[in-house]
Amino acid sequence: MERLLAGLDLFRDWRMACARHVRGPDHILDPNEFVEPGHRFLERFDRQPEHAQFWIKEVRKWYAVTASELKGLLKNGSPNDQMAVQAFLDDFKARLGFSLLAESGLLRSLATKVLRRGRVVSAEEYEDLTEILNDQSQSIISDGEARSLETILVAFEHRS
């Protein structure tokens, strides 16, 4: 739980820094417009051990929603937004040792979909799956799935 909350706090700090950059350094931010700080989730988690699974699920749901929003910005945002989001995701992984996108379950879901379909249909899918395969410490997919995905990615490369 603490590992997940460290990621939540890193995202919160980044979003607040982005808001300060856009609104100016003198603008007073309303902390309620950002995700709650991780320590609040941890306090609830510690106070209500009988509801621990609920709080873990809530944080994991936050990861899924946040990853979806960030993927949307990577796909449809301005070039500056895309660069900022990619830099954040790279920094997140470097600091915390895991990928926000992987933790959200989006990459697992994509891998399953592509393996069922048997082919990659977009450059975005290709890039996301390449991220999984390039991460030597990944535990998102099995070795057999990784070999199958490598074959599918090579076929996509030949089509492109």
C-alpha atoms as a PDB file:
ATOM      1  CA  MET A   1       0.000   0.000   0.000  1.00  0.00           C
ATOM      2  CA  GLU A   2       2.806   2.413   0.857  1.00  0.00           C
ATOM      3  CA  ARG A   3       4.436   1.820  -2.544  1.00  0.00           C
ATOM      4  CA  LEU A   4       1.180   2.651  -4.319  1.00  0.00           C
ATOM      5  CA  LEU A   5       0.662   5.739  -2.180  1.00  0.00           C
ATOM      6  CA  ALA A   6       4.170   6.983  -2.943  1.00  0.00           C
ATOM      7  CA  GLY A   7       3.121   6.956  -6.599  1.00  0.00           C
ATOM      8  CA  LEU A   8      -0.093   8.771  -5.807  1.00  0.00           C
ATOM      9  CA  ASP A   9       1.861  11.466  -3.944  1.00  0.00           C
ATOM     10  CA  LEU A  10       4.377  11.813  -6.764  1.00  0.00           C
ATOM     11  CA  PHE A  11       1.514  12.342  -9.222  1.00  0.00           C
ATOM     12  CA  ARG A  12      -0.186  14.826  -6.879  1.00  0.00           C
ATOM     13  CA  ASP A  13       3.033  16.853  -6.536  1.00  0.00           C
ATOM     14  CA  TRP A  14       3.509  16.837 -10.309  1.00  0.00           C
ATOM     15  CA  ARG A  15      -0.065  18.012 -10.955  1.00  0.00           C
ATOM     16  CA  MET A  16       0.288  20.796  -8.414  1.00  0.00           C
ATOM     17  CA  ALA A  17       3.588  21.872 -10.014  1.00  0.00           C
ATOM     18  CA  CYS A  18       1.883  21.913 -13.422  1.00  0.00           C
ATOM     19  CA  ALA A  19      -0.945  24.036 -12.024  1.00  0.00           C
ATOM     20  CA  ARG A  20       1.533  26.490 -10.485  1.00  0.00           C
ATOM     21  CA  HIS A  21       3.349  26.729 -13.799  1.00  0.00           C
ATOM     22  CA  VAL A  22       0.124  27.481 -15.687  1.00  0.00           C
ATOM     23  CA  ARG A  23      -1.499  29.754 -13.092  1.00  0.00           C
ATOM     24  CA  GLY A  24       1.622  31.490 -11.887  1.00  0.00           C
ATOM     25  CA  PRO A  25       3.707  31.077  -8.751  1.00  0.00           C
ATOM     26  CA  ASP A  26       1.591  33.545  -6.752  1.00  0.00           C
ATOM     27  CA  HIS A  27      -1.657  31.677  -7.365  1.00  0.00           C
ATOM     28  CA  ILE A  28      -2.916  29.951  -4.219  1.00  0.00           C
ATOM     29  CA  LEU A  29      -3.865  26.382  -5.047  1.00  0.00           C
ATOM     30  CA  ASP A  30      -6.901  24.695  -3.585  1.00  0.00           C
ATOM     31  CA  PRO A  31      -5.558  21.320  -2.420  1.00  0.00           C
ATOM     32  CA  ASN A  32      -9.064  19.866  -2.718  1.00  0.00           C
ATOM     33  CA  GLU A  33      -8.895  20.054  -6.513  1.00  0.00           C
ATOM     34  CA  PHE A  34      -6.118  17.436  -6.527  1.00  0.00           C
ATOM     35  CA  VAL A  35      -6.104  13.829  -5.474  1.00  0.00           C
ATOM     36  CA  GLU A  36      -5.938  13.412  -1.712  1.00  0.00           C
ATOM     37  CA  PRO A  37      -2.458  12.977  -0.281  1.00  0.00           C
ATOM     38  CA  GLY A  38      -1.353   9.411   0.281  1.00  0.00           C
ATOM     39  CA  HIS A  39      -1.143   9.788   4.053  1.00  0.00           C
ATOM     40  CA  ARG A  40      -4.931  10.239   4.213  1.00  0.00           C
ATOM     41  CA  PHE A  41      -5.488   6.895   2.505  1.00  0.00           C
ATOM     42  CA  LEU A  42      -2.904   5.318   4.802  1.00  0.00           C
ATOM     43  CA  GLU A  43      -4.644   6.767   7.887  1.00  0.00           C
ATOM     44  CA  ARG A  44      -7.947   5.231   6.765  1.00  0.00           C
ATOM     45  CA  PHE A  45      -6.191   1.983   5.933  1.00  0.00           C
ATOM     46  CA  ASP A  46      -4.610   1.854   9.413  1.00  0.00           C
ATOM     47  CA  ARG A  47      -7.782   2.978  11.248  1.00  0.00           C
ATOM     48  CA  GLN A  48      -9.998   0.454   9.491  1.00  0.00           C
ATOM     49  CA  PRO A  49      -7.986  -2.740   9.028  1.00  0.00           C
ATOM     50  CA  GLU A  50     -11.202  -4.638   8.400  1.00  0.00           C
ATOM     51  CA  HIS A  51     -11.649  -2.489   5.262  1.00  0.00           C
ATOM     52  CA  ALA A  52      -8.041  -2.778   4.060  1.00  0.00           C
ATOM     53  CA  GLN A  53      -9.032  -4.464   0.790  1.00  0.00           C
ATOM     54  CA  PHE A  54     -11.514  -1.674   0.083  1.00  0.00           C
ATOM     55  CA  TRP A  55      -8.810   1.011   0.457  1.00  0.00           C
ATOM     56  CA  ILE A  56      -6.346  -0.927  -1.672  1.00  0.00           C
ATOM     57  CA  LYS A  57      -9.031  -1.267  -4.336  1.00  0.00           C
ATOM     58  CA  GLU A  58      -9.718   2.478  -4.177  1.00  0.00           C
ATOM     59  CA  VAL A  59      -6.053   3.308  -4.732  1.00  0.00           C
ATOM     60  CA  ARG A  60      -5.809   0.782  -7.579  1.00  0.00           C
ATOM     61  CA  LYS A  61      -8.926   2.348  -9.129  1.00  0.00           C
ATOM     62  CA  TRP A  62      -7.212   5.736  -8.896  1.00  0.00           C
ATOM     63  CA  TYR A  63      -4.227   4.241 -10.775  1.00  0.00           C
ATOM     64  CA  ALA A  64      -6.506   2.959 -13.539  1.00  0.00           C
ATOM     65  CA  VAL A  65      -8.343   6.274 -13.958  1.00  0.00           C
ATOM     66  CA  THR A  66      -5.136   8.310 -13.825  1.00  0.00           C
ATOM     67  CA  ALA A  67      -3.365   6.043 -16.297  1.00  0.00           C
ATOM     68  CA  SER A  68      -6.302   6.364 -18.673  1.00  0.00           C
ATOM     69  CA  GLU A  69      -6.185  10.164 -18.434  1.00  0.00           C
ATOM     70  CA  LEU A  70      -2.434  10.230 -19.005  1.00  0.00           C
ATOM     71  CA  LYS A  71      -2.732   7.868 -21.985  1.00  0.00           C
ATOM     72  CA  GLY A  72      -5.371  10.220 -23.403  1.00  0.00           C
ATOM     73  CA  LEU A  73      -2.977  13.159 -23.081  1.00  0.00           C
ATOM     74  CA  LEU A  74      -0.181  11.147 -24.693  1.00  0.00           C
ATOM     75  CA  LYS A  75      -2.451  10.338 -27.606  1.00  0.00           C
ATOM     76  CA  ASN A  76      -4.446  13.554 -28.039  1.00  0.00           C
ATOM     77  CA  GLY A  77      -2.637  16.263 -26.068  1.00  0.00           C
ATOM     78  CA  SER A  78      -0.565  19.076 -27.449  1.00  0.00           C
ATOM     79  CA  PRO A  79       3.096  18.295 -28.142  1.00  0.00           C
ATOM     80  CA  ASN A  80       3.990  20.089 -24.884  1.00  0.00           C
ATOM     81  CA  ASP A  81       1.437  18.030 -22.937  1.00  0.00           C
ATOM     82  CA  GLN A  82       2.741  14.836 -24.507  1.00  0.00           C
ATOM     83  CA  MET A  83       6.334  15.685 -23.586  1.00  0.00           C
ATOM     84  CA  ALA A  84       5.360  16.618 -20.026  1.00  0.00           C
ATOM     85  CA  VAL A  85       3.353  13.431 -19.488  1.00  0.00           C
ATOM     86  CA  GLN A  86       6.081  11.212 -20.931  1.00  0.00           C
ATOM     87  CA  ALA A  87       8.694  12.943 -18.767  1.00  0.00           C
ATOM     88  CA  PHE A  88       6.476  12.400 -15.713  1.00  0.00           C
ATOM     89  CA  LEU A  89       5.968   8.710 -16.521  1.00  0.00           C
ATOM     90  CA  ASP A  90       9.711   8.232 -17.027  1.00  0.00           C
ATOM     91  CA  ASP A  91      10.473  10.047 -13.769  1.00  0.00           C
ATOM     92  CA  PHE A  92       7.798   8.024 -11.940  1.00  0.00           C
ATOM     93  CA  LYS A  93       9.393   4.764 -13.030  1.00  0.00           C
ATOM     94  CA  ALA A  94      12.927   5.957 -12.275  1.00  0.00           C
ATOM     95  CA  ARG A  95      12.015   7.152  -8.778  1.00  0.00           C
ATOM     96  CA  LEU A  96       9.658   4.389  -7.703  1.00  0.00           C
ATOM     97  CA  GLY A  97      10.904   1.413  -9.680  1.00  0.00           C
ATOM     98  CA  PHE A  98       7.581   0.549 -11.300  1.00  0.00           C
ATOM     99  CA  SER A  99       5.453   1.854 -14.131  1.00  0.00           C
ATOM    100  CA  LEU A 100       2.258   3.749 -13.379  1.00  0.00           C
ATOM    101  CA  LEU A 101       0.724   2.323 -16.557  1.00  0.00           C
ATOM    102  CA  ALA A 102       1.688  -1.229 -15.629  1.00  0.00           C
ATOM    103  CA  GLU A 103       0.390  -0.855 -12.083  1.00  0.00           C
ATOM    104  CA  SER A 104      -2.928   0.407 -13.397  1.00  0.00           C
ATOM    105  CA  GLY A 105      -3.594  -2.852 -15.217  1.00  0.00           C
ATOM    106  CA  LEU A 106      -3.913  -1.125 -18.588  1.00  0.00           C
ATOM    107  CA  LEU A 107      -0.832  -2.810 -20.038  1.00  0.00           C
ATOM    108  CA  ARG A 108      -1.977  -6.252 -18.869  1.00  0.00           C
ATOM    109  CA  SER A 109      -5.365  -5.622 -20.438  1.00  0.00           C
ATOM    110  CA  LEU A 110      -3.748  -4.492 -23.703  1.00  0.00           C
ATOM    111  CA  ALA A 111      -1.447  -7.521 -23.805  1.00  0.00           C
ATOM    112  CA  THR A 112      -4.406  -9.854 -23.300  1.00  0.00           C
ATOM    113  CA  LYS A 113      -6.405  -8.108 -26.027  1.00  0.00           C
ATOM    114  CA  VAL A 114      -3.540  -8.226 -28.550  1.00  0.00           C
ATOM    115  CA  LEU A 115      -2.733 -11.854 -27.757  1.00  0.00           C
ATOM    116  CA  ARG A 116      -6.392 -12.799 -28.325  1.00  0.00           C
ATOM    117  CA  ARG A 117      -6.557 -10.789 -31.532  1.00  0.00           C
ATOM    118  CA  GLY A 118      -3.192 -12.043 -32.750  1.00  0.00           C
ATOM    119  CA  ARG A 119      -2.008  -8.716 -34.119  1.00  0.00           C
ATOM    120  CA  VAL A 120      -1.173  -5.130 -33.236  1.00  0.00           C
ATOM    121  CA  VAL A 121      -3.430  -2.579 -34.928  1.00  0.00           C
ATOM    122  CA  SER A 122      -1.792   0.742 -34.056  1.00  0.00           C
ATOM    123  CA  ALA A 123       1.533   2.381 -33.361  1.00  0.00           C
ATOM    124  CA  GLU A 124       0.255   3.214 -29.859  1.00  0.00           C
ATOM    125  CA  GLU A 125      -0.344  -0.470 -29.095  1.00  0.00           C
ATOM    126  CA  TYR A 126       3.076  -1.296 -30.498  1.00  0.00           C
ATOM    127  CA  GLU A 127       4.789   1.292 -28.295  1.00  0.00           C
ATOM    128  CA  ASP A 128       2.953   0.206 -25.148  1.00  0.00           C
ATOM    129  CA  LEU A 129       3.724  -3.467 -25.698  1.00  0.00           C
ATOM    130  CA  THR A 130       7.346  -2.669 -26.492  1.00  0.00           C
ATOM    131  CA  GLU A 131       7.504  -0.954 -23.079  1.00  0.00           C
ATOM    132  CA  ILE A 132       6.508  -4.235 -21.435  1.00  0.00           C
ATOM    133  CA  LEU A 133       9.000  -6.315 -23.395  1.00  0.00           C
ATOM    134  CA  ASN A 134      11.880  -3.875 -22.835  1.00  0.00           C
ATOM    135  CA  ASP A 135      11.401  -3.954 -19.060  1.00  0.00           C
ATOM    136  CA  GLN A 136      13.519  -6.862 -17.841  1.00  0.00           C
ATOM    137  CA  SER A 137      11.897  -6.735 -14.401  1.00  0.00           C
ATOM    138  CA  GLN A 138       8.311  -6.803 -15.662  1.00  0.00           C
ATOM    139  CA  SER A 139       5.880  -9.271 -14.155  1.00  0.00           C
ATOM    140  CA  ILE A 140       2.867  -8.258 -16.220  1.00  0.00           C
ATOM    141  CA  ILE A 141       3.024 -11.163 -18.668  1.00  0.00           C
ATOM    142  CA  SER A 142       4.492 -14.651 -18.645  1.00  0.00           C
ATOM    143  CA  ASP A 143       7.562 -15.678 -20.634  1.00  0.00           C
ATOM    144  CA  GLY A 144       5.332 -17.518 -23.108  1.00  0.00           C
ATOM    145  CA  GLU A 145       3.130 -14.474 -23.577  1.00  0.00           C
ATOM    146  CA  ALA A 146       6.251 -12.343 -24.056  1.00  0.00           C
ATOM    147  CA  ARG A 147       7.495 -14.647 -26.828  1.00  0.00           C
ATOM    148  CA  SER A 148       4.083 -14.536 -28.526  1.00  0.00           C
ATOM    149  CA  LEU A 149       3.988 -10.747 -28.267  1.00  0.00           C
ATOM    150  CA  GLU A 150       7.489 -10.473 -29.728  1.00  0.00           C
ATOM    151  CA  THR A 151       6.303 -12.424 -32.780  1.00  0.00           C
ATOM    152  CA  ILE A 152       3.221 -10.208 -33.087  1.00  0.00           C
ATOM    153  CA  LEU A 153       5.330  -7.042 -32.777  1.00  0.00           C
ATOM    154  CA  VAL A 154       7.767  -8.211 -35.452  1.00  0.00           C
ATOM    155  CA  ALA A 155       4.816  -8.861 -37.786  1.00  0.00           C
ATOM    156  CA  PHE A 156       3.569  -5.319 -37.107  1.00  0.00           C
ATOM    157  CA  GLU A 157       7.032  -3.909 -37.865  1.00  0.00           C
ATOM    158  CA  HIS A 158       7.037  -5.703 -41.233  1.00  0.00           C
ATOM    159  CA  ARG A 159       3.575  -4.312 -42.071  1.00  0.00           C
ATOM    160  CA  SER A 160       4.524  -0.742 -41.147  1.00  0.00           C
END
